[in-house]
Amino acid sequence: MNYVIYFLTLTDQAIIGIFLYSQLIKLKTRFFIPCGVWIAMYSASFVLFHLLGEHAPPSSVQMVLCILYQTVILLFFEGSVFKRFCTAGAFVILCGAAELMTVGILCLIFRIPVTDFYIFQNENYIVAVGRIYAVDVILLVSFVFFLMLKYRTIKEEYYVRDVLIVLSFDIIHMIYLYLYYADDANPLGDVNNLIQFGMQTLLIFMMFHRFYSGRKTRQLEKVKQRLELIQRNRGREFDYYKAAEEKYTEISMIRHDLVNHLTAVEALARQPEGRADARELLDEIKRRTYAISVPATAEAEAEGGSNAENTDI
């Protein structure tokens, strides 16, 4: 059953690792493809080292293999080879640090001296609990490292808050596991460990789903605001062209009246007694001409909409 727990927790570790990589480097393919490669390589290594037994390579060689595995996984991501190799090495080192932290926590839970831990690790239930607890510790350590590395360059609003929410739930679950396994009244059987693993996996999926759905919702809100702004600008442009059309009709009517007035003024001006009437007609023409108003230009409307878009979005 310890081996079953190992392969199950390996799935959670792959999801956490690919998620972390996707926040540092752009993923070129679907999320679960590198996860599958991750699980396949580490599972094959676990089976091989188990079959070799005492002839298995030392821990230093296994760590180098882990870095090489991570480099292969990062082929599914963009970026230079050097950057991907450094990222893989950093993650392997973080996993090593998480393992040491997990050992210390297990010693506190089961009241084992740190110096004697590797004597008691042959107990299957301790190893199974350690693998479950290590998933939470890896998530905590890797996300803290990510925030320290990218905090000043994060420009997306609420991004840090979403990461901190994930970390908060992870810490709460770590406290729950500690209190649960430290209580001697709780059973430590294989079925119980599987139940705890199932709850942990469900929590991880819920945390990551909340993280992605929150970001997606905010992106959709920005698109909605942009569309509403474009719609308002189109409405202002429609109102402008409608007003321009009405004004054109009004000017055409005035032009027709002016032609008639000018014809009458010309006829009256030829008669000595009609000059007073001609002057009145000229005053009427001036009054109607000055009464004409021109709507705001389309360029001004468009410029105002552009400025508003740049301000709101």
Protein backbone atom coordinates (compact mmCIF):
# COMPACT_ATOMS: atom_id res chain seq x y z
CA MET A 1 0.00 0.00 0.00
CA ASN A 2 2.98 2.32 0.56
CA TYR A 3 3.80 2.02 -3.14
CA VAL A 4 0.22 2.89 -4.04
CA ILE A 5 0.44 6.04 -1.92
CA TYR A 6 3.72 6.92 -3.65
CA PHE A 7 2.25 6.72 -7.16
CA LEU A 8 -0.87 8.62 -6.09
CA THR A 9 1.06 11.43 -4.43
CA LEU A 10 3.32 11.56 -7.48
CA THR A 11 0.28 12.76 -9.43
CA ASP A 12 -0.26 15.64 -7.00
CA GLN A 13 3.44 16.55 -7.13
CA ALA A 14 3.30 16.60 -10.94
CA ILE A 15 0.28 18.91 -10.91
CA ILE A 16 1.97 21.26 -8.44
CA GLY A 17 5.24 21.27 -10.39
CA ILE A 18 3.65 21.91 -13.79
CA PHE A 19 1.47 24.61 -12.26
CA LEU A 20 4.54 26.34 -10.81
CA TYR A 21 6.43 26.06 -14.09
CA SER A 22 3.47 27.48 -16.01
CA GLN A 23 3.58 30.59 -13.80
CA LEU A 24 7.32 31.07 -14.46
CA ILE A 25 7.55 29.97 -18.11
CA LYS A 26 4.93 29.90 -20.85
CA LEU A 27 3.51 26.43 -21.50
CA LYS A 28 3.54 25.37 -25.18
CA THR A 29 1.08 22.49 -24.91
CA ARG A 30 -1.84 21.29 -22.80
CA PHE A 31 -1.39 21.19 -19.05
CA PHE A 32 -1.81 17.43 -18.56
CA ILE A 33 0.69 16.34 -21.25
CA PRO A 34 3.83 17.30 -19.25
CA CYS A 35 2.06 15.96 -16.14
CA GLY A 36 1.80 12.58 -17.82
CA VAL A 37 5.47 12.64 -18.85
CA TRP A 38 6.40 13.61 -15.28
CA ILE A 39 4.50 10.68 -13.76
CA ALA A 40 5.82 8.20 -16.34
CA MET A 41 9.50 9.07 -15.84
CA TYR A 42 9.43 9.14 -12.05
CA SER A 43 7.38 5.96 -11.88
CA ALA A 44 9.84 4.15 -14.14
CA SER A 45 12.76 5.34 -12.00
CA PHE A 46 11.02 4.25 -8.79
CA VAL A 47 10.39 0.76 -10.14
CA LEU A 48 13.94 0.47 -11.49
CA PHE A 49 15.60 1.60 -8.24
CA HIS A 50 13.35 -0.74 -6.27
CA LEU A 51 14.36 -3.69 -8.46
CA LEU A 52 18.04 -2.80 -8.15
CA GLY A 53 17.76 -2.73 -4.38
CA GLU A 54 21.20 -2.34 -2.83
CA HIS A 55 22.70 -1.75 -6.27
CA ALA A 56 20.62 1.37 -6.83
CA PRO A 57 22.66 4.55 -7.52
CA PRO A 58 23.45 6.87 -4.59
CA SER A 59 21.27 9.85 -3.67
CA SER A 60 23.54 12.32 -5.48
CA VAL A 61 23.09 10.46 -8.78
CA GLN A 62 19.34 10.25 -8.21
CA MET A 63 19.20 14.03 -7.69
CA VAL A 64 21.05 14.58 -10.98
CA LEU A 65 18.55 12.28 -12.67
CA CYS A 66 15.72 14.33 -11.15
CA ILE A 67 17.18 17.51 -12.61
CA LEU A 68 17.49 15.83 -16.01
CA TYR A 69 13.89 14.65 -15.76
CA GLN A 70 12.73 18.16 -14.97
CA THR A 71 14.74 19.50 -17.91
CA VAL A 72 12.98 17.02 -20.21
CA ILE A 73 9.61 18.11 -18.82
CA LEU A 74 10.52 21.75 -19.43
CA LEU A 75 10.87 20.98 -23.15
CA PHE A 76 7.11 21.52 -23.16
CA PHE A 77 7.74 25.14 -22.11
CA GLU A 78 9.21 28.14 -23.89
CA GLY A 79 12.50 29.84 -23.01
CA SER A 80 16.21 29.21 -23.35
CA VAL A 81 17.79 25.88 -22.40
CA PHE A 82 19.80 27.56 -19.64
CA LYS A 83 16.70 29.15 -18.09
CA ARG A 84 14.80 25.87 -18.17
CA PHE A 85 17.72 23.95 -16.68
CA CYS A 86 18.08 26.48 -13.86
CA THR A 87 14.33 26.34 -13.20
CA ALA A 88 14.46 22.53 -13.04
CA GLY A 89 17.42 22.62 -10.66
CA ALA A 90 15.69 25.15 -8.42
CA PHE A 91 12.57 22.99 -8.20
CA VAL A 92 14.57 19.86 -7.33
CA ILE A 93 16.38 21.78 -4.58
CA LEU A 94 13.03 23.04 -3.27
CA CYS A 95 11.74 19.46 -3.19
CA GLY A 96 14.83 18.44 -1.21
CA ALA A 97 14.20 21.23 1.28
CA ALA A 98 10.55 20.18 1.50
CA GLU A 99 11.62 16.62 2.26
CA LEU A 100 13.80 17.78 5.15
CA MET A 101 10.94 19.88 6.52
CA THR A 102 8.61 16.90 6.21
CA VAL A 103 11.03 14.69 8.15
CA GLY A 104 11.11 17.24 10.98
CA ILE A 105 7.31 17.47 11.07
CA LEU A 106 6.94 13.66 11.08
CA CYS A 107 9.35 13.44 14.01
CA LEU A 108 7.12 15.85 15.91
CA ILE A 109 3.93 14.00 14.96
CA PHE A 110 5.12 10.51 15.89
CA ARG A 111 7.47 11.68 18.69
CA ILE A 112 10.54 10.20 17.05
CA PRO A 113 14.05 11.63 17.59
CA VAL A 114 15.39 13.11 14.36
CA THR A 115 18.51 10.97 14.62
CA ASP A 116 16.38 7.81 14.69
CA PHE A 117 13.95 8.75 11.92
CA TYR A 118 15.54 6.62 9.21
CA ILE A 119 15.33 3.64 11.55
CA PHE A 120 11.59 4.07 11.93
CA GLN A 121 10.98 4.89 8.26
CA ASN A 122 10.61 1.20 7.52
CA GLU A 123 7.22 1.51 9.16
CA ASN A 124 4.89 1.72 6.17
CA TYR A 125 2.36 4.04 7.79
CA ILE A 126 5.08 6.62 8.62
CA VAL A 127 6.32 6.60 5.03
CA ALA A 128 2.76 6.89 3.68
CA VAL A 129 1.96 9.81 5.98
CA GLY A 130 5.24 11.44 5.00
CA ARG A 131 4.42 11.20 1.29
CA ILE A 132 1.02 12.77 1.86
CA TYR A 133 2.41 15.52 4.05
CA ALA A 134 5.28 16.19 1.60
CA VAL A 135 2.77 17.27 -1.07
CA ASP A 136 1.53 20.12 1.13
CA VAL A 137 5.08 21.10 2.06
CA ILE A 138 6.22 21.13 -1.59
CA LEU A 139 3.25 23.35 -2.48
CA LEU A 140 4.08 25.73 0.37
CA VAL A 141 7.83 25.94 -0.32
CA SER A 142 7.53 26.27 -4.09
CA PHE A 143 4.85 28.99 -3.92
CA VAL A 144 6.77 31.00 -1.33
CA PHE A 145 9.83 30.76 -3.57
CA PHE A 146 7.75 31.87 -6.56
CA LEU A 147 6.39 34.92 -4.72
CA MET A 148 9.88 35.91 -3.58
CA LEU A 149 11.18 35.54 -7.13
CA LYS A 150 8.38 37.28 -9.07
CA TYR A 151 6.73 39.63 -6.56
CA ARG A 152 8.16 42.86 -8.01
CA THR A 153 7.43 41.89 -11.62
CA ILE A 154 3.81 40.81 -11.12
CA LYS A 155 1.57 43.39 -12.79
CA GLU A 156 -1.75 41.57 -12.82
CA GLU A 157 -4.21 42.90 -10.27
CA TYR A 158 -5.24 40.49 -7.49
CA TYR A 159 -2.65 37.90 -8.64
CA VAL A 160 -0.70 37.95 -5.38
CA ARG A 161 -3.95 37.74 -3.44
CA ASP A 162 -4.98 34.60 -5.35
CA VAL A 163 -1.61 32.97 -4.66
CA LEU A 164 -1.88 33.84 -0.96
CA ILE A 165 -5.35 32.29 -0.83
CA VAL A 166 -3.92 29.03 -2.22
CA LEU A 167 -1.14 29.14 0.37
CA SER A 168 -3.64 29.84 3.15
CA PHE A 169 -5.70 26.74 2.34
CA ASP A 170 -2.52 24.70 2.05
CA ILE A 171 -1.32 25.81 5.49
CA ILE A 172 -4.75 25.07 7.00
CA HIS A 173 -4.62 21.56 5.54
CA MET A 174 -1.09 21.06 6.92
CA ILE A 175 -2.30 22.03 10.39
CA TYR A 176 -5.24 19.66 10.02
CA LEU A 177 -2.96 16.75 9.04
CA TYR A 178 -0.64 17.50 11.92
CA LEU A 179 -3.43 17.53 14.49
CA TYR A 180 -5.08 14.47 12.97
CA TYR A 181 -2.03 12.21 12.91
CA ALA A 182 -0.71 13.51 16.25
CA ASP A 183 -3.91 12.31 17.92
CA ASP A 184 -3.32 8.74 19.02
CA ALA A 185 -7.05 8.05 18.95
CA ASN A 186 -7.14 8.27 15.12
CA PRO A 187 -6.38 5.09 13.15
CA LEU A 188 -3.26 4.90 10.97
CA GLY A 189 -4.35 2.21 8.53
CA ASP A 190 -3.99 2.15 4.77
CA VAL A 191 -7.65 2.95 4.17
CA ASN A 192 -7.40 6.03 6.35
CA ASN A 193 -4.31 7.20 4.45
CA LEU A 194 -6.15 6.76 1.15
CA ILE A 195 -9.02 8.85 2.51
CA GLN A 196 -6.61 11.59 3.58
CA PHE A 197 -4.95 11.50 0.16
CA GLY A 198 -8.34 11.79 -1.56
CA MET A 199 -9.23 14.81 0.54
CA GLN A 200 -5.85 16.38 -0.20
CA THR A 201 -6.18 15.82 -3.96
CA LEU A 202 -9.68 17.27 -3.95
CA LEU A 203 -8.42 20.33 -2.07
CA ILE A 204 -5.57 20.84 -4.56
CA PHE A 205 -7.96 20.68 -7.52
CA MET A 206 -10.34 23.10 -5.80
CA MET A 207 -7.53 25.56 -5.01
CA PHE A 208 -6.15 25.54 -8.54
CA HIS A 209 -9.64 25.70 -10.05
CA ARG A 210 -10.41 28.72 -7.89
CA PHE A 211 -7.10 30.30 -8.92
CA TYR A 212 -7.70 29.86 -12.67
CA SER A 213 -11.42 30.63 -12.57
CA GLY A 214 -10.76 33.85 -10.63
CA ARG A 215 -8.23 35.02 -13.21
CA LYS A 216 -10.55 34.01 -16.07
CA THR A 217 -13.49 35.85 -14.51
CA ARG A 218 -11.45 39.05 -14.19
CA GLN A 219 -10.33 38.76 -17.80
CA LEU A 220 -13.94 38.36 -18.91
CA GLU A 221 -14.91 41.38 -16.81
CA LYS A 222 -12.24 43.46 -18.57
CA VAL A 223 -13.47 42.27 -21.97
CA LYS A 224 -17.04 43.13 -20.94
CA GLN A 225 -15.98 46.63 -19.86
CA ARG A 226 -14.10 47.10 -23.13
CA LEU A 227 -17.14 46.01 -25.16
CA GLU A 228 -19.43 48.30 -23.18
CA LEU A 229 -17.05 51.19 -23.81
CA ILE A 230 -16.94 50.42 -27.52
CA GLN A 231 -20.74 50.24 -27.54
CA ARG A 232 -20.98 53.65 -25.85
CA ASN A 233 -18.54 55.11 -28.39
CA ARG A 234 -20.57 53.64 -31.25
CA GLY A 235 -23.70 55.12 -29.72
CA ARG A 236 -22.09 58.57 -29.56
CA GLU A 237 -20.95 58.23 -33.17
CA PHE A 238 -24.49 57.23 -34.19
CA ASP A 239 -25.93 60.25 -32.38
CA TYR A 240 -23.38 62.49 -34.07
CA TYR A 241 -24.17 61.24 -37.57
CA LYS A 242 -27.89 61.43 -36.87
CA ALA A 243 -27.50 65.05 -35.70
CA ALA A 244 -25.31 65.78 -38.74
CA GLU A 245 -27.95 64.35 -41.05
CA GLU A 246 -30.66 66.45 -39.42
CA LYS A 247 -28.44 69.52 -39.66
CA TYR A 248 -27.73 68.79 -43.32
CA THR A 249 -31.48 68.64 -43.98
CA GLU A 250 -31.95 71.91 -42.11
CA ILE A 251 -29.10 73.59 -44.05
CA SER A 252 -30.56 72.35 -47.34
CA MET A 253 -33.90 73.93 -46.48
CA ILE A 254 -32.18 77.17 -45.43
CA ARG A 255 -30.15 77.13 -48.66
CA HIS A 256 -33.35 76.78 -50.64
CA ASP A 257 -34.91 79.69 -48.72
CA LEU A 258 -31.77 81.81 -49.18
CA VAL A 259 -31.89 81.31 -52.93
CA ASN A 260 -35.51 82.45 -52.93
CA HIS A 261 -34.71 85.42 -50.64
CA LEU A 262 -31.76 86.50 -52.74
CA THR A 263 -33.90 86.35 -55.87
CA ALA A 264 -36.50 88.54 -54.13
CA VAL A 265 -33.81 90.95 -52.83
CA GLU A 266 -32.38 91.25 -56.32
CA ALA A 267 -35.83 92.03 -57.71
CA LEU A 268 -36.61 94.59 -54.96
CA ALA A 269 -33.21 96.27 -55.26
CA ARG A 270 -33.99 97.17 -58.86
CA GLN A 271 -37.01 99.15 -57.69
CA PRO A 272 -36.44 102.43 -55.76
CA GLU A 273 -39.42 101.85 -53.49
CA GLY A 274 -38.38 98.24 -52.71
CA ARG A 275 -35.01 98.92 -51.09
CA ALA A 276 -36.47 98.97 -47.55
CA ASP A 277 -38.04 95.57 -48.12
CA ALA A 278 -34.75 94.32 -49.55
CA ARG A 279 -32.90 95.46 -46.42
CA GLU A 280 -35.41 93.58 -44.20
CA LEU A 281 -34.89 90.43 -46.24
CA LEU A 282 -31.11 90.78 -45.87
CA ASP A 283 -31.50 91.10 -42.09
CA GLU A 284 -33.66 87.98 -42.07
CA ILE A 285 -30.99 86.11 -44.05
CA LYS A 286 -28.31 87.15 -41.53
CA ARG A 287 -30.44 86.10 -38.60
CA ARG A 288 -31.14 82.66 -39.99
CA THR A 289 -27.50 82.20 -40.99
CA TYR A 290 -26.22 83.00 -37.50
CA ALA A 291 -28.81 80.62 -36.00
CA ILE A 292 -27.18 77.61 -37.69
CA SER A 293 -25.21 75.42 -35.18
CA VAL A 294 -22.77 72.70 -36.15
CA PRO A 295 -22.53 69.45 -34.09
CA ALA A 296 -19.22 68.30 -32.58
CA THR A 297 -16.85 66.71 -35.08
CA ALA A 298 -16.54 62.95 -35.37
CA GLU A 299 -12.82 63.24 -34.79
CA ALA A 300 -13.45 64.86 -31.41
CA GLU A 301 -15.90 62.12 -30.47
CA ALA A 302 -13.48 59.40 -31.51
CA GLU A 303 -10.61 61.03 -29.64
CA GLY A 304 -12.72 61.33 -26.51
CA GLY A 305 -13.70 57.64 -26.73
CA SER A 306 -10.10 56.60 -27.21
CA ASN A 307 -9.01 58.57 -24.17
CA ALA A 308 -11.79 57.06 -22.10
CA GLU A 309 -10.80 53.57 -23.21
CA ASN A 310 -7.20 54.12 -22.23
CA THR A 311 -8.33 55.45 -18.84
CA ASP A 312 -10.86 52.72 -18.01
CA ILE A 313 -9.10 49.64 -19.32
